[in-house]
Amino acid sequence: MTTGLKTIIYPVRDLGRAKALFGALLEVEPYADEPYYVGYKAAGQDVGLDPNGHGRGMTGPVPYWHVEDIRGRLAALLAAGAELLQDVQDVGGGRLIASVKDPDGNPVGLLQDA
């Protein structure tokens, strides 16, 4: 079961410029501001900036569906024809993420909070 599309992560090459742009857009300060990730919460959305995303193959923003059972949803997507991009990974605090590519090449992210 999914609780909705609540997170989108943007790969960025220049974190400082991206922070300026998204700060101007969202009009909030980041809740996380680290050299490896900057995160904002605005209007019920979590918007992340990943300066390492391009190096991991991200070619654009990745929407993350929040799920209760990430391994089960990942297996279901793979069985339905998705291609694995990133297996389940703990990104801190018990938060798990994974991503696949649908048959049309679109990225689909999964996120499970602890």
Foldseek 3Di string as FASTA:
>chain_A
DFPFFAEKEWADQDVVVVLVVVCVVQVDAFPDDDPQKTWDAHPRHIYMYGPCCVVLPDPGMETEIEDADVVVVVVVQVVVPWAWSADWDDPDQQKIKGWTAHPVRHIYMYIYHD
